[in-house]
C-alpha cells in the first residue's frame, strides 16, 4: 500500500480551491451529465454481472451450431417536436434463410422520447413482432408483444460519432400448441440490450451530404426472468458497413452482420450471416420555433 503525505500549506491552499470547484458544478447542465454518468456506470456493472452469471448456466452438453443466411431491411425515424419531446419509430422485415427464402420476422416499434439534453434521451414504447412460421410452428405465425424502455446517448468528435444505448424489454410471446394452432397464454421474460455504434468519416467534408462513413456496431442481448433456464446469454450482433449520408438528416446504412445466438436448449446455437440495409430518417420540427 502506498501512502501519500501532503504539506499543511498545500492543503490549506488546495481545500478552498477544491471547494470552489465543487460548488461551481452545481449548474443544471453539469448535474445532468453527472447523473447520466452515474446511471451509465451502474447499468454497465449490472450488465457485466449478468454476462458473468450466464457463463456458468450452460449444461455440459455437445455444442450444436446451425448456420443460416438472411437479409434484414429496416426503416428508422426519430422526430423531435420540441426541446423536450419527440417520437421514435422503426420498422423491420427479415428473411428466413438462404438470403431470400421466406420471412422470419416483421417488427413495428413505436416510442415516446424525452430529451434530457441534445445528446441524451429516454424513450419508452411498445413493439409488435410477428414471428413467421418456423420449426416449432410450421403453419402459423407466433405474435409477440414487447414493451420497452431505453436510455440513449451520443458523443460527437471531429471525424468520429458514437452512439450507445441500454434497452430493457418485456417480452410476451404467445404459446404454441402445435404446428397449426396457438395455445392460450404467453411465455414471458425480460431482456436487456447494450448497443455500441460508431462511425468514422471517410471524407474531408466529414458527415456532410454525399459522403461515406465507416461503421462498426456491436449489440449484446441478455435474457433474465423465471422462465429462462439455460440461455441467459441470448445473442450478439456484430456489424461492419458504411453509411451514405444523403443529407444532414438522412442516411443509408449497408453492410454485413454476424448474429450469434444461444437457443433455449442451452447447447444449441445459431450463427446468422446477414446482409443488412437500413434507412435512417430524422426530422426536427423545432426549426420554425427557432426562427421566431
Foldseek 3Di string as FASTA:
>chain_A
DDDDDDDPVCCVVVVVVVVVVVVVCPDPVSVLVVVVVVVVVVVVVVVVVLVVVLVPQFDPDAFAEAEFEKAKEKEWEWEADDQFKIKTWMWIWMPDGPHPHHTAKTKTWIWIWTDPHPFKIKIWTKMKMWGAADDFANADIKIKIKTKIKIKGWDDDDFKIKIKMKMKIWIWIFDPDGNHDTDPGTDIWMKIKIKIKMWGWPDPVRQAAQGKIKIWMKMWMAIDDDPQRNCRGAKMKTWTWMWHRHHPFKIKTWGWIWIWGADRNNSYIYTYIYTYIYIYGYHYNCVVVVVD
